[in-house]
Amino acid sequence: LYDPAMPDLDLLFRTGGEMRLSTFLLRHSSYAELYFTPVLWPDCAADDFTAALEEYSRRSRRFGSLSSTTSGGDA
């Protein structure tokens, strides 16, 4: 899946209750926020995706820094 034009991920949405990345886009997701849901992919609905986005919007993104002064939403 190498594509130099593809930006790094901001949110990685993992379905099926799996709590691992399995080397899926590891380099692209190094600073991504992770969201895990027990819902299987074929059963995901708009409400499941909305719940992930709402949780993501409440997170404070630091992009590896120790300071908590950087806020999210500007990626």
C-alpha atoms as a PDB file:
ATOM      1  CA  LEU A   1       0.000   0.000   0.000  1.00  0.00           C
ATOM      2  CA  TYR A   2       2.922   2.356  -0.522  1.00  0.00           C
ATOM      3  CA  ASP A   3       1.736   5.657  -1.917  1.00  0.00           C
ATOM      4  CA  PRO A   4       3.957   8.706  -1.302  1.00  0.00           C
ATOM      5  CA  ALA A   5       0.985  11.005  -1.907  1.00  0.00           C
ATOM      6  CA  MET A   6      -1.054   9.400   0.877  1.00  0.00           C
ATOM      7  CA  PRO A   7      -0.930  11.437   4.111  1.00  0.00           C
ATOM      8  CA  ASP A   8      -0.320   9.765   7.453  1.00  0.00           C
ATOM      9  CA  LEU A   9      -3.393   8.537   9.291  1.00  0.00           C
ATOM     10  CA  ASP A  10      -5.092  10.623  11.968  1.00  0.00           C
ATOM     11  CA  LEU A  11      -7.471   7.897  13.160  1.00  0.00           C
ATOM     12  CA  LEU A  12      -7.178   4.149  12.775  1.00  0.00           C
ATOM     13  CA  PHE A  13     -10.568   2.470  13.141  1.00  0.00           C
ATOM     14  CA  ARG A  14     -10.131  -1.228  14.049  1.00  0.00           C
ATOM     15  CA  THR A  15     -13.212  -3.454  13.964  1.00  0.00           C
ATOM     16  CA  GLY A  16     -13.998  -6.960  15.148  1.00  0.00           C
ATOM     17  CA  GLY A  17     -12.743  -6.573  18.701  1.00  0.00           C
ATOM     18  CA  GLU A  18      -9.115  -7.038  17.699  1.00  0.00           C
ATOM     19  CA  MET A  19      -6.765  -5.020  19.906  1.00  0.00           C
ATOM     20  CA  ARG A  20      -3.745  -5.126  17.595  1.00  0.00           C
ATOM     21  CA  LEU A  21      -2.561  -3.556  14.358  1.00  0.00           C
ATOM     22  CA  SER A  22      -0.992  -6.656  12.757  1.00  0.00           C
ATOM     23  CA  THR A  23       1.622  -4.546  10.924  1.00  0.00           C
ATOM     24  CA  PHE A  24      -1.175  -2.821   8.995  1.00  0.00           C
ATOM     25  CA  LEU A  25       0.141   0.576   7.878  1.00  0.00           C
ATOM     26  CA  LEU A  26       2.528   0.751  10.851  1.00  0.00           C
ATOM     27  CA  ARG A  27       4.638   3.547   9.416  1.00  0.00           C
ATOM     28  CA  HIS A  28       1.615   5.574   8.348  1.00  0.00           C
ATOM     29  CA  SER A  29      -0.150   5.127  11.675  1.00  0.00           C
ATOM     30  CA  SER A  30       2.754   5.930  14.011  1.00  0.00           C
ATOM     31  CA  TYR A  31       1.021   9.040  15.390  1.00  0.00           C
ATOM     32  CA  ALA A  32      -2.553   7.985  14.646  1.00  0.00           C
ATOM     33  CA  GLU A  33      -5.180   7.787  17.327  1.00  0.00           C
ATOM     34  CA  LEU A  34      -6.451   4.218  17.669  1.00  0.00           C
ATOM     35  CA  TYR A  35     -10.108   3.318  18.017  1.00  0.00           C
ATOM     36  CA  PHE A  36     -11.171  -0.274  18.665  1.00  0.00           C
ATOM     37  CA  THR A  37     -14.737  -1.539  18.378  1.00  0.00           C
ATOM     38  CA  PRO A  38     -16.179  -5.030  18.857  1.00  0.00           C
ATOM     39  CA  VAL A  39     -18.479  -4.500  15.863  1.00  0.00           C
ATOM     40  CA  LEU A  40     -17.520  -6.613  12.858  1.00  0.00           C
ATOM     41  CA  TRP A  41     -16.714  -4.696   9.660  1.00  0.00           C
ATOM     42  CA  PRO A  42     -19.768  -5.859   7.673  1.00  0.00           C
ATOM     43  CA  ASP A  43     -22.005  -4.746  10.557  1.00  0.00           C
ATOM     44  CA  CYS A  44     -20.491  -1.276  10.972  1.00  0.00           C
ATOM     45  CA  ALA A  45     -23.035   1.454  10.468  1.00  0.00           C
ATOM     46  CA  ALA A  46     -22.861   5.235  10.299  1.00  0.00           C
ATOM     47  CA  ASP A  47     -23.527   5.375  14.070  1.00  0.00           C
ATOM     48  CA  ASP A  48     -20.394   3.296  14.777  1.00  0.00           C
ATOM     49  CA  PHE A  49     -18.246   5.592  12.661  1.00  0.00           C
ATOM     50  CA  THR A  50     -19.831   8.677  14.250  1.00  0.00           C
ATOM     51  CA  ALA A  51     -19.018   7.303  17.722  1.00  0.00           C
ATOM     52  CA  ALA A  52     -15.365   6.890  16.678  1.00  0.00           C
ATOM     53  CA  LEU A  53     -15.209  10.441  15.337  1.00  0.00           C
ATOM     54  CA  GLU A  54     -16.824  11.844  18.489  1.00  0.00           C
ATOM     55  CA  GLU A  55     -14.283  10.076  20.708  1.00  0.00           C
ATOM     56  CA  TYR A  56     -11.447  11.225  18.428  1.00  0.00           C
ATOM     57  CA  SER A  57     -12.619  14.842  18.698  1.00  0.00           C
ATOM     58  CA  ARG A  58     -12.307  14.673  22.512  1.00  0.00           C
ATOM     59  CA  ARG A  59      -8.679  13.521  22.426  1.00  0.00           C
ATOM     60  CA  SER A  60      -5.675  15.792  22.880  1.00  0.00           C
ATOM     61  CA  ARG A  61      -3.111  15.028  20.181  1.00  0.00           C
ATOM     62  CA  ARG A  62       0.557  15.582  21.089  1.00  0.00           C
ATOM     63  CA  PHE A  63       2.284  13.998  18.056  1.00  0.00           C
ATOM     64  CA  GLY A  64       5.005  12.502  20.257  1.00  0.00           C
ATOM     65  CA  SER A  65       5.736  15.567  22.380  1.00  0.00           C
ATOM     66  CA  LEU A  66       5.586  15.508  26.155  1.00  0.00           C
ATOM     67  CA  SER A  67       3.727  18.802  26.364  1.00  0.00           C
ATOM     68  CA  SER A  68      -0.057  18.684  26.480  1.00  0.00           C
ATOM     69  CA  THR A  69      -0.389  22.209  25.040  1.00  0.00           C
ATOM     70  CA  THR A  70      -0.868  20.981  21.454  1.00  0.00           C
ATOM     71  CA  SER A  71      -4.528  20.325  20.787  1.00  0.00           C
ATOM     72  CA  GLY A  72      -6.038  18.047  18.190  1.00  0.00           C
ATOM     73  CA  GLY A  73      -7.956  18.630  15.053  1.00  0.00           C
ATOM     74  CA  ASP A  74      -5.252  20.322  12.976  1.00  0.00           C
ATOM     75  CA  ALA A  75      -3.989  17.429  10.861  1.00  0.00           C
END
